PDB file of all heavy atoms in Angstrom:
ATOM      1  N   PRO A   1     -83.669 -35.773 -80.729  1.00  0.00           N
ATOM      2  CA  PRO A   1     -82.281 -35.388 -81.068  1.00  0.00           C
ATOM      3  C   PRO A   1     -81.544 -36.544 -81.710  1.00  0.00           C
ATOM      4  O   PRO A   1     -81.789 -37.728 -81.396  1.00  0.00           O
ATOM      5  CB  PRO A   1     -81.670 -35.012 -79.721  1.00  0.00           C
ATOM      6  CG  PRO A   1     -82.514 -35.720 -78.700  1.00  0.00           C
ATOM      7  CD  PRO A   1     -83.905 -35.779 -79.265  1.00  0.00           C
ATOM      8  N   HIS A   2     -80.666 -36.229 -82.653  1.00  0.00           N
ATOM      9  CA  HIS A   2     -79.832 -37.268 -83.303  1.00  0.00           C
ATOM     10  C   HIS A   2     -78.810 -37.801 -82.316  1.00  0.00           C
ATOM     11  O   HIS A   2     -78.460 -38.981 -82.338  1.00  0.00           O
ATOM     12  CB  HIS A   2     -79.130 -36.685 -84.514  1.00  0.00           C
ATOM     13  CG  HIS A   2     -80.057 -36.107 -85.533  1.00  0.00           C
ATOM     14  ND1 HIS A   2     -80.868 -36.871 -86.332  1.00  0.00           N
ATOM     15  CD2 HIS A   2     -80.327 -34.786 -85.876  1.00  0.00           C
ATOM     16  CE1 HIS A   2     -81.584 -36.085 -87.119  1.00  0.00           C
ATOM     17  NE2 HIS A   2     -81.271 -34.834 -86.848  1.00  0.00           N
ATOM     18  N   ALA A   3     -78.335 -36.935 -81.459  1.00  0.00           N
ATOM     19  CA  ALA A   3     -77.338 -37.278 -80.422  1.00  0.00           C
ATOM     20  C   ALA A   3     -77.284 -36.063 -79.503  1.00  0.00           C
ATOM     21  O   ALA A   3     -77.832 -34.991 -79.827  1.00  0.00           O
ATOM     22  CB  ALA A   3     -75.963 -37.582 -81.004  1.00  0.00           C
ATOM     23  N   LEU A   4     -76.660 -36.230 -78.348  1.00  0.00           N
ATOM     24  CA  LEU A   4     -76.500 -35.112 -77.423  1.00  0.00           C
ATOM     25  C   LEU A   4     -75.034 -34.979 -77.033  1.00  0.00           C
ATOM     26  O   LEU A   4     -74.304 -35.975 -76.941  1.00  0.00           O
ATOM     27  CB  LEU A   4     -77.351 -35.353 -76.166  1.00  0.00           C
ATOM     28  CG  LEU A   4     -78.873 -35.345 -76.358  1.00  0.00           C
ATOM     29  CD1 LEU A   4     -79.573 -35.795 -75.100  1.00  0.00           C
ATOM     30  CD2 LEU A   4     -79.357 -33.960 -76.783  1.00  0.00           C
ATOM     31  N   TRP A   5     -74.621 -33.748 -76.797  1.00  0.00           N
ATOM     32  CA  TRP A   5     -73.261 -33.465 -76.356  1.00  0.00           C
ATOM     33  C   TRP A   5     -73.334 -33.213 -74.843  1.00  0.00           C
ATOM     34  O   TRP A   5     -74.053 -32.308 -74.408  1.00  0.00           O
ATOM     35  CB  TRP A   5     -72.708 -32.253 -77.093  1.00  0.00           C
ATOM     36  CG  TRP A   5     -72.675 -32.471 -78.579  1.00  0.00           C
ATOM     37  CD1 TRP A   5     -73.671 -32.242 -79.475  1.00  0.00           C
ATOM     38  CD2 TRP A   5     -71.557 -32.932 -79.354  1.00  0.00           C
ATOM     39  NE1 TRP A   5     -73.265 -32.562 -80.755  1.00  0.00           N
ATOM     40  CE2 TRP A   5     -71.981 -32.995 -80.715  1.00  0.00           C
ATOM     41  CE3 TRP A   5     -70.260 -33.333 -79.042  1.00  0.00           C
ATOM     42  CZ2 TRP A   5     -71.159 -33.413 -81.726  1.00  0.00           C
ATOM     43  CZ3 TRP A   5     -69.406 -33.761 -80.067  1.00  0.00           C
ATOM     44  CH2 TRP A   5     -69.867 -33.786 -81.390  1.00  0.00           C
ATOM     45  N   LEU A   6     -72.608 -34.031 -74.081  1.00  0.00           N
ATOM     46  CA  LEU A   6     -72.747 -34.021 -72.636  1.00  0.00           C
ATOM     47  C   LEU A   6     -71.443 -33.732 -71.945  1.00  0.00           C
ATOM     48  O   LEU A   6     -70.395 -34.318 -72.291  1.00  0.00           O
ATOM     49  CB  LEU A   6     -73.319 -35.365 -72.176  1.00  0.00           C
ATOM     50  CG  LEU A   6     -73.502 -35.591 -70.699  1.00  0.00           C
ATOM     51  CD1 LEU A   6     -74.708 -36.517 -70.455  1.00  0.00           C
ATOM     52  CD2 LEU A   6     -72.266 -36.226 -70.034  1.00  0.00           C
ATOM     53  N   ARG A   7     -71.523 -32.885 -70.944  1.00  0.00           N
ATOM     54  CA  ARG A   7     -70.344 -32.583 -70.100  1.00  0.00           C
ATOM     55  C   ARG A   7     -70.737 -32.821 -68.658  1.00  0.00           C
ATOM     56  O   ARG A   7     -71.639 -32.161 -68.117  1.00  0.00           O
ATOM     57  CB  ARG A   7     -69.945 -31.127 -70.314  1.00  0.00           C
ATOM     58  CG  ARG A   7     -68.494 -30.824 -70.022  1.00  0.00           C
ATOM     59  CD  ARG A   7     -68.130 -29.423 -70.444  1.00  0.00           C
ATOM     60  NE  ARG A   7     -66.773 -29.100 -70.113  1.00  0.00           N
ATOM     61  CZ  ARG A   7     -66.198 -27.906 -70.233  1.00  0.00           C
ATOM     62  NH1 ARG A   7     -66.943 -26.912 -70.690  1.00  0.00           N
ATOM     63  NH2 ARG A   7     -64.964 -27.708 -69.932  1.00  0.00           N
ATOM     64  N   GLY A   8     -70.114 -33.795 -68.036  1.00  0.00           N
ATOM     65  CA  GLY A   8     -70.480 -34.157 -66.667  1.00  0.00           C
ATOM     66  C   GLY A   8     -70.683 -35.636 -66.558  1.00  0.00           C
ATOM     67  O   GLY A   8     -70.040 -36.447 -67.232  1.00  0.00           O
ATOM     68  N   SER A   9     -71.614 -36.052 -65.683  1.00  0.00           N
ATOM     69  CA  SER A   9     -71.873 -37.479 -65.463  1.00  0.00           C
ATOM     70  C   SER A   9     -72.706 -38.045 -66.598  1.00  0.00           C
ATOM     71  O   SER A   9     -73.823 -37.563 -66.859  1.00  0.00           O
ATOM     72  CB  SER A   9     -72.634 -37.666 -64.149  1.00  0.00           C
ATOM     73  OG  SER A   9     -73.058 -39.020 -64.012  1.00  0.00           O
ATOM     74  N   PRO A  10     -72.235 -39.079 -67.301  1.00  0.00           N
ATOM     75  CA  PRO A  10     -72.961 -39.625 -68.464  1.00  0.00           C
ATOM     76  C   PRO A  10     -74.325 -40.190 -68.099  1.00  0.00           C
ATOM     77  O   PRO A  10     -75.222 -40.222 -68.929  1.00  0.00           O
ATOM     78  CB  PRO A  10     -72.022 -40.739 -68.972  1.00  0.00           C
ATOM     79  CG  PRO A  10     -70.678 -40.397 -68.427  1.00  0.00           C
ATOM     80  CD  PRO A  10     -70.937 -39.750 -67.096  1.00  0.00           C
ATOM     81  N   ASN A  11     -74.491 -40.653 -66.869  1.00  0.00           N
ATOM     82  CA  ASN A  11     -75.766 -41.267 -66.478  1.00  0.00           C
ATOM     83  C   ASN A  11     -76.764 -40.290 -65.886  1.00  0.00           C
ATOM     84  O   ASN A  11     -77.899 -40.664 -65.610  1.00  0.00           O
ATOM     85  CB  ASN A  11     -75.508 -42.411 -65.487  1.00  0.00           C
ATOM     86  CG  ASN A  11     -74.744 -43.567 -66.101  1.00  0.00           C
ATOM     87  OD1 ASN A  11     -75.012 -43.960 -67.229  1.00  0.00           O
ATOM     88  ND2 ASN A  11     -73.766 -44.074 -65.380  1.00  0.00           N
ATOM     89  N   ALA A  12     -76.355 -39.050 -65.686  1.00  0.00           N
ATOM     90  CA  ALA A  12     -77.216 -38.061 -64.999  1.00  0.00           C
ATOM     91  C   ALA A  12     -78.565 -37.847 -65.705  1.00  0.00           C
ATOM     92  O   ALA A  12     -79.588 -37.734 -65.031  1.00  0.00           O
ATOM     93  CB  ALA A  12     -76.491 -36.726 -64.849  1.00  0.00           C
ATOM     94  N   PRO A  13     -78.628 -37.759 -67.032  1.00  0.00           N
ATOM     95  CA  PRO A  13     -79.923 -37.450 -67.662  1.00  0.00           C
ATOM     96  C   PRO A  13     -80.916 -38.592 -67.716  1.00  0.00           C
ATOM     97  O   PRO A  13     -82.066 -38.379 -68.056  1.00  0.00           O
ATOM     98  CB  PRO A  13     -79.510 -37.050 -69.083  1.00  0.00           C
ATOM     99  CG  PRO A  13     -78.227 -37.749 -69.343  1.00  0.00           C
ATOM    100  CD  PRO A  13     -77.523 -37.793 -68.024  1.00  0.00           C
ATOM    101  N   ALA A  14     -80.504 -39.815 -67.358  1.00  0.00           N
ATOM    102  CA  ALA A  14     -81.373 -40.965 -67.564  1.00  0.00           C
ATOM    103  C   ALA A  14     -82.238 -41.350 -66.374  1.00  0.00           C
ATOM    104  O   ALA A  14     -82.984 -42.292 -66.444  1.00  0.00           O
ATOM    105  CB  ALA A  14     -80.517 -42.177 -67.974  1.00  0.00           C
ATOM    106  N   GLY A  15     -82.117 -40.620 -65.258  1.00  0.00           N
ATOM    107  CA  GLY A  15     -82.878 -40.975 -64.072  1.00  0.00           C
ATOM    108  C   GLY A  15     -84.373 -40.860 -64.233  1.00  0.00           C
ATOM    109  O   GLY A  15     -84.865 -39.931 -64.858  1.00  0.00           O
ATOM    110  N   GLU A  16     -85.108 -41.830 -63.661  1.00  0.00           N
ATOM    111  CA  GLU A  16     -86.572 -41.773 -63.716  1.00  0.00           C
ATOM    112  C   GLU A  16     -87.120 -40.690 -62.801  1.00  0.00           C
ATOM    113  O   GLU A  16     -88.132 -40.064 -63.098  1.00  0.00           O
ATOM    114  CB  GLU A  16     -87.146 -43.134 -63.293  1.00  0.00           C
ATOM    115  CG  GLU A  16     -86.866 -44.254 -64.303  1.00  0.00           C
ATOM    116  CD  GLU A  16     -87.512 -45.536 -63.852  1.00  0.00           C
ATOM    117  OE1 GLU A  16     -88.232 -45.527 -62.821  1.00  0.00           O
ATOM    118  OE2 GLU A  16     -87.313 -46.562 -64.529  1.00  0.00           O
ATOM    119  N   ARG A  17     -86.419 -40.454 -61.682  1.00  0.00           N
ATOM    120  CA  ARG A  17     -86.922 -39.479 -60.729  1.00  0.00           C
ATOM    121  C   ARG A  17     -86.310 -38.111 -61.033  1.00  0.00           C
ATOM    122  O   ARG A  17     -85.449 -37.601 -60.305  1.00  0.00           O
ATOM    123  CB  ARG A  17     -86.611 -39.942 -59.315  1.00  0.00           C
ATOM    124  CG  ARG A  17     -87.309 -41.206 -58.943  1.00  0.00           C
ATOM    125  CD  ARG A  17     -87.091 -41.599 -57.512  1.00  0.00           C
ATOM    126  NE  ARG A  17     -87.715 -40.650 -56.584  1.00  0.00           N
ATOM    127  CZ  ARG A  17     -88.197 -40.983 -55.394  1.00  0.00           C
ATOM    128  NH1 ARG A  17     -88.113 -42.232 -54.991  1.00  0.00           N
ATOM    129  NH2 ARG A  17     -88.740 -40.087 -54.601  1.00  0.00           N
ATOM    130  N   ALA A  18     -86.736 -37.548 -62.120  1.00  0.00           N
ATOM    131  CA  ALA A  18     -86.286 -36.222 -62.536  1.00  0.00           C
ATOM    132  C   ALA A  18     -87.521 -35.337 -62.702  1.00  0.00           C
ATOM    133  O   ALA A  18     -88.530 -35.778 -63.247  1.00  0.00           O
ATOM    134  CB  ALA A  18     -85.488 -36.294 -63.841  1.00  0.00           C
ATOM    135  N   ILE A  19     -87.417 -34.111 -62.280  1.00  0.00           N
ATOM    136  CA  ILE A  19     -88.523 -33.174 -62.415  1.00  0.00           C
ATOM    137  C   ILE A  19     -87.996 -31.845 -62.888  1.00  0.00           C
ATOM    138  O   ILE A  19     -86.947 -31.376 -62.434  1.00  0.00           O
ATOM    139  CB  ILE A  19     -89.282 -33.029 -61.078  1.00  0.00           C
ATOM    140  CG1 ILE A  19     -90.594 -32.278 -61.246  1.00  0.00           C
ATOM    141  CG2 ILE A  19     -88.423 -32.424 -59.984  1.00  0.00           C
ATOM    142  CD1 ILE A  19     -91.538 -32.431 -60.073  1.00  0.00           C
ATOM    143  N   ALA A  20     -88.702 -31.230 -63.839  1.00  0.00           N
ATOM    144  CA  ALA A  20     -88.262 -29.959 -64.401  1.00  0.00           C
ATOM    145  C   ALA A  20     -88.904 -28.804 -63.642  1.00  0.00           C
ATOM    146  O   ALA A  20     -90.120 -28.764 -63.476  1.00  0.00           O
ATOM    147  CB  ALA A  20     -88.640 -29.887 -65.887  1.00  0.00           C
ATOM    148  N   LEU A  21     -88.069 -27.877 -63.186  1.00  0.00           N
ATOM    149  CA  LEU A  21     -88.530 -26.639 -62.572  1.00  0.00           C
ATOM    150  C   LEU A  21     -88.106 -25.495 -63.482  1.00  0.00           C
ATOM    151  O   LEU A  21     -86.907 -25.281 -63.675  1.00  0.00           O
ATOM    152  CB  LEU A  21     -87.931 -26.463 -61.178  1.00  0.00           C
ATOM    153  CG  LEU A  21     -88.191 -27.582 -60.157  1.00  0.00           C
ATOM    154  CD1 LEU A  21     -87.607 -27.192 -58.795  1.00  0.00           C
ATOM    155  CD2 LEU A  21     -89.672 -27.893 -60.033  1.00  0.00           C
ATOM    156  N   VAL A  22     -89.044 -24.810 -64.063  1.00  0.00           N
ATOM    157  CA  VAL A  22     -88.747 -23.752 -65.018  1.00  0.00           C
ATOM    158  C   VAL A  22     -89.566 -22.522 -64.688  1.00  0.00           C
ATOM    159  O   VAL A  22     -90.514 -22.554 -63.923  1.00  0.00           O
ATOM    160  CB  VAL A  22     -89.072 -24.217 -66.455  1.00  0.00           C
ATOM    161  CG1 VAL A  22     -88.219 -25.414 -66.850  1.00  0.00           C
ATOM    162  CG2 VAL A  22     -90.567 -24.603 -66.598  1.00  0.00           C
ATOM    163  N   GLY A  23     -89.138 -21.389 -65.277  1.00  0.00           N
ATOM    164  CA  GLY A  23     -89.874 -20.162 -65.037  1.00  0.00           C
ATOM    165  C   GLY A  23     -89.167 -18.963 -65.640  1.00  0.00           C
ATOM    166  O   GLY A  23     -88.244 -19.092 -66.444  1.00  0.00           O
ATOM    167  N   ALA A  24     -89.603 -17.803 -65.225  1.00  0.00           N
ATOM    168  CA  ALA A  24     -89.184 -16.540 -65.822  1.00  0.00           C
ATOM    169  C   ALA A  24     -87.727 -16.225 -65.502  1.00  0.00           C
ATOM    170  O   ALA A  24     -87.231 -16.537 -64.410  1.00  0.00           O
ATOM    171  CB  ALA A  24     -90.082 -15.416 -65.357  1.00  0.00           C
ATOM    172  N   ARG A  25     -87.062 -15.577 -66.449  1.00  0.00           N
ATOM    173  CA  ARG A  25     -85.708 -15.065 -66.188  1.00  0.00           C
ATOM    174  C   ARG A  25     -85.770 -13.886 -65.210  1.00  0.00           C
ATOM    175  O   ARG A  25     -84.959 -13.779 -64.308  1.00  0.00           O
ATOM    176  CB  ARG A  25     -85.035 -14.634 -67.494  1.00  0.00           C
ATOM    177  CG  ARG A  25     -84.633 -15.799 -68.390  1.00  0.00           C
ATOM    178  CD  ARG A  25     -84.053 -15.298 -69.713  1.00  0.00           C
ATOM    179  NE  ARG A  25     -83.492 -16.398 -70.490  1.00  0.00           N
ATOM    180  CZ  ARG A  25     -84.181 -17.252 -71.221  1.00  0.00           C
ATOM    181  NH1 ARG A  25     -85.504 -17.093 -71.310  1.00  0.00           N
ATOM    182  NH2 ARG A  25     -83.595 -18.190 -71.891  1.00  0.00           N
ATOM    183  N   ALA A  26     -86.743 -13.025 -65.412  1.00  0.00           N
ATOM    184  CA  ALA A  26     -86.894 -11.877 -64.511  1.00  0.00           C
ATOM    185  C   ALA A  26     -87.771 -12.293 -63.340  1.00  0.00           C
ATOM    186  O   ALA A  26     -88.905 -11.831 -63.155  1.00  0.00           O
ATOM    187  CB  ALA A  26     -87.531 -10.704 -65.267  1.00  0.00           C
ATOM    188  N   ALA A  27     -87.231 -13.173 -62.499  1.00  0.00           N
ATOM    189  CA  ALA A  27     -88.002 -13.718 -61.387  1.00  0.00           C
ATOM    190  C   ALA A  27     -88.094 -12.709 -60.252  1.00  0.00           C
ATOM    191  O   ALA A  27     -87.168 -11.937 -60.006  1.00  0.00           O
ATOM    192  CB  ALA A  27     -87.364 -15.004 -60.909  1.00  0.00           C
ATOM    193  N   SER A  28     -89.193 -12.766 -59.548  1.00  0.00           N
ATOM    194  CA  SER A  28     -89.375 -11.918 -58.367  1.00  0.00           C
ATOM    195  C   SER A  28     -88.785 -12.633 -57.150  1.00  0.00           C
ATOM    196  O   SER A  28     -88.418 -13.812 -57.200  1.00  0.00           O
ATOM    197  CB  SER A  28     -90.874 -11.679 -58.114  1.00  0.00           C
ATOM    198  OG  SER A  28     -91.508 -12.873 -57.726  1.00  0.00           O
ATOM    199  N   GLY A  29     -88.683 -11.920 -56.035  1.00  0.00           N
ATOM    200  CA  GLY A  29     -88.208 -12.525 -54.815  1.00  0.00           C
ATOM    201  C   GLY A  29     -89.093 -13.684 -54.383  1.00  0.00           C
ATOM    202  O   GLY A  29     -88.623 -14.713 -53.903  1.00  0.00           O
ATOM    203  N   TYR A  30     -90.390 -13.524 -54.595  1.00  0.00           N
ATOM    204  CA  TYR A  30     -91.351 -14.597 -54.276  1.00  0.00           C
ATOM    205  C   TYR A  30     -91.061 -15.842 -55.121  1.00  0.00           C
ATOM    206  O   TYR A  30     -90.993 -16.960 -54.601  1.00  0.00           O
ATOM    207  CB  TYR A  30     -92.771 -14.094 -54.547  1.00  0.00           C
ATOM    208  CG  TYR A  30     -93.812 -15.190 -54.655  1.00  0.00           C
ATOM    209  CD1 TYR A  30     -94.359 -15.745 -53.505  1.00  0.00           C
ATOM    210  CD2 TYR A  30     -94.246 -15.669 -55.892  1.00  0.00           C
ATOM    211  CE1 TYR A  30     -95.310 -16.774 -53.604  1.00  0.00           C
ATOM    212  CE2 TYR A  30     -95.196 -16.676 -55.996  1.00  0.00           C
ATOM    213  CZ  TYR A  30     -95.734 -17.212 -54.848  1.00  0.00           C
ATOM    214  OH  TYR A  30     -96.671 -18.210 -54.928  1.00  0.00           O
ATOM    215  N   GLY A  31     -90.876 -15.662 -56.433  1.00  0.00           N
ATOM    216  CA  GLY A  31     -90.627 -16.780 -57.316  1.00  0.00           C
ATOM    217  C   GLY A  31     -89.355 -17.541 -56.952  1.00  0.00           C
ATOM    218  O   GLY A  31     -89.326 -18.765 -56.934  1.00  0.00           O
ATOM    219  N   GLU A  32     -88.284 -16.792 -56.668  1.00  0.00           N
ATOM    220  CA  GLU A  32     -87.035 -17.428 -56.310  1.00  0.00           C
ATOM    221  C   GLU A  32     -87.150 -18.157 -54.965  1.00  0.00           C
ATOM    222  O   GLU A  32     -86.610 -19.257 -54.805  1.00  0.00           O
ATOM    223  CB  GLU A  32     -85.919 -16.427 -56.279  1.00  0.00           C
ATOM    224  CG  GLU A  32     -85.552 -15.852 -57.644  1.00  0.00           C
ATOM    225  CD  GLU A  32     -84.176 -15.219 -57.693  1.00  0.00           C
ATOM    226  OE1 GLU A  32     -83.567 -15.060 -56.589  1.00  0.00           O
ATOM    227  OE2 GLU A  32     -83.721 -14.860 -58.790  1.00  0.00           O
ATOM    228  N   HIS A  33     -87.872 -17.571 -54.014  1.00  0.00           N
ATOM    229  CA  HIS A  33     -88.028 -18.211 -52.702  1.00  0.00           C
ATOM    230  C   HIS A  33     -88.771 -19.532 -52.833  1.00  0.00           C
ATOM    231  O   HIS A  33     -88.335 -20.572 -52.291  1.00  0.00           O
ATOM    232  CB  HIS A  33     -88.787 -17.279 -51.763  1.00  0.00           C
ATOM    233  CG  HIS A  33     -89.176 -17.924 -50.473  1.00  0.00           C
ATOM    234  ND1 HIS A  33     -88.265 -18.156 -49.460  1.00  0.00           N
ATOM    235  CD2 HIS A  33     -90.382 -18.403 -50.040  1.00  0.00           C
ATOM    236  CE1 HIS A  33     -88.879 -18.754 -48.456  1.00  0.00           C
ATOM    237  NE2 HIS A  33     -90.172 -18.925 -48.765  1.00  0.00           N
ATOM    238  N   VAL A  34     -89.895 -19.522 -53.559  1.00  0.00           N
ATOM    239  CA  VAL A  34     -90.662 -20.745 -53.754  1.00  0.00           C
ATOM    240  C   VAL A  34     -89.836 -21.797 -54.471  1.00  0.00           C
ATOM    241  O   VAL A  34     -89.882 -22.986 -54.136  1.00  0.00           O
ATOM    242  CB  VAL A  34     -91.956 -20.447 -54.530  1.00  0.00           C
ATOM    243  CG1 VAL A  34     -92.689 -21.734 -54.861  1.00  0.00           C
ATOM    244  CG2 VAL A  34     -92.866 -19.528 -53.716  1.00  0.00           C
ATOM    245  N   THR A  35     -89.025 -21.360 -55.448  1.00  0.00           N
ATOM    246  CA  THR A  35     -88.195 -22.320 -56.197  1.00  0.00           C
ATOM    247  C   THR A  35     -87.125 -22.942 -55.323  1.00  0.00           C
ATOM    248  O   THR A  35     -86.892 -24.154 -55.397  1.00  0.00           O
ATOM    249  CB  THR A  35     -87.547 -21.597 -57.407  1.00  0.00           C
ATOM    250  OG1 THR A  35     -88.565 -21.046 -58.245  1.00  0.00           O
ATOM    251  CG2 THR A  35     -86.698 -22.553 -58.216  1.00  0.00           C
ATOM    252  N   LEU A  36     -86.480 -22.116 -54.502  1.00  0.00           N
ATOM    253  CA  LEU A  36     -85.446 -22.647 -53.603  1.00  0.00           C
ATOM    254  C   LEU A  36     -86.018 -23.683 -52.647  1.00  0.00           C
ATOM    255  O   LEU A  36     -85.430 -24.749 -52.433  1.00  0.00           O
ATOM    256  CB  LEU A  36     -84.805 -21.496 -52.828  1.00  0.00           C
ATOM    257  CG  LEU A  36     -83.971 -20.503 -53.645  1.00  0.00           C
ATOM    258  CD1 LEU A  36     -83.580 -19.297 -52.781  1.00  0.00           C
ATOM    259  CD2 LEU A  36     -82.701 -21.173 -54.195  1.00  0.00           C
ATOM    260  N   GLU A  37     -87.181 -23.373 -52.083  1.00  0.00           N
ATOM    261  CA  GLU A  37     -87.811 -24.294 -51.160  1.00  0.00           C
ATOM    262  C   GLU A  37     -88.225 -25.605 -51.867  1.00  0.00           C
ATOM    263  O   GLU A  37     -88.027 -26.697 -51.342  1.00  0.00           O
ATOM    264  CB  GLU A  37     -89.050 -23.644 -50.519  1.00  0.00           C
ATOM    265  CG  GLU A  37     -88.735 -22.497 -49.588  1.00  0.00           C
ATOM    266  CD  GLU A  37     -88.111 -22.933 -48.284  1.00  0.00           C
ATOM    267  OE1 GLU A  37     -88.456 -24.044 -47.840  1.00  0.00           O
ATOM    268  OE2 GLU A  37     -87.292 -22.196 -47.735  1.00  0.00           O
ATOM    269  N   ALA A  38     -88.808 -25.457 -53.031  1.00  0.00           N
ATOM    270  CA  ALA A  38     -89.288 -26.646 -53.760  1.00  0.00           C
ATOM    271  C   ALA A  38     -88.112 -27.529 -54.209  1.00  0.00           C
ATOM    272  O   ALA A  38     -88.179 -28.752 -54.048  1.00  0.00           O
ATOM    273  CB  ALA A  38     -90.110 -26.203 -54.976  1.00  0.00           C
ATOM    274  N   ALA A  39     -87.094 -26.930 -54.791  1.00  0.00           N
ATOM    275  CA  ALA A  39     -85.956 -27.714 -55.284  1.00  0.00           C
ATOM    276  C   ALA A  39     -85.269 -28.461 -54.134  1.00  0.00           C
ATOM    277  O   ALA A  39     -84.932 -29.645 -54.273  1.00  0.00           O
ATOM    278  CB  ALA A  39     -84.959 -26.821 -56.009  1.00  0.00           C
ATOM    279  N   ALA A  40     -85.082 -27.782 -53.006  1.00  0.00           N
ATOM    280  CA  ALA A  40     -84.450 -28.415 -51.868  1.00  0.00           C
ATOM    281  C   ALA A  40     -85.299 -29.592 -51.365  1.00  0.00           C
ATOM    282  O   ALA A  40     -84.780 -30.680 -51.055  1.00  0.00           O
ATOM    283  CB  ALA A  40     -84.227 -27.417 -50.737  1.00  0.00           C
ATOM    284  N   GLY A  41     -86.619 -29.385 -51.302  1.00  0.00           N
ATOM    285  CA  GLY A  41     -87.498 -30.458 -50.861  1.00  0.00           C
ATOM    286  C   GLY A  41     -87.532 -31.637 -51.810  1.00  0.00           C
ATOM    287  O   GLY A  41     -87.625 -32.792 -51.362  1.00  0.00           O
TER     288      GLY A  41
END
C-alpha cells in the first residue's frame, strides 16, 4: 500500500504478536464456537 487510512490506535497494526483468524461469512454454529474459543485463548 502507498499509505493506510487508520481510525483508532496508531500503533495497533504494528504488533509482532498478531494472528489472522478468517473464514466464511455464512458461518455455522460450529465455526463460530471454535472461533470464539480460539480468539479468547
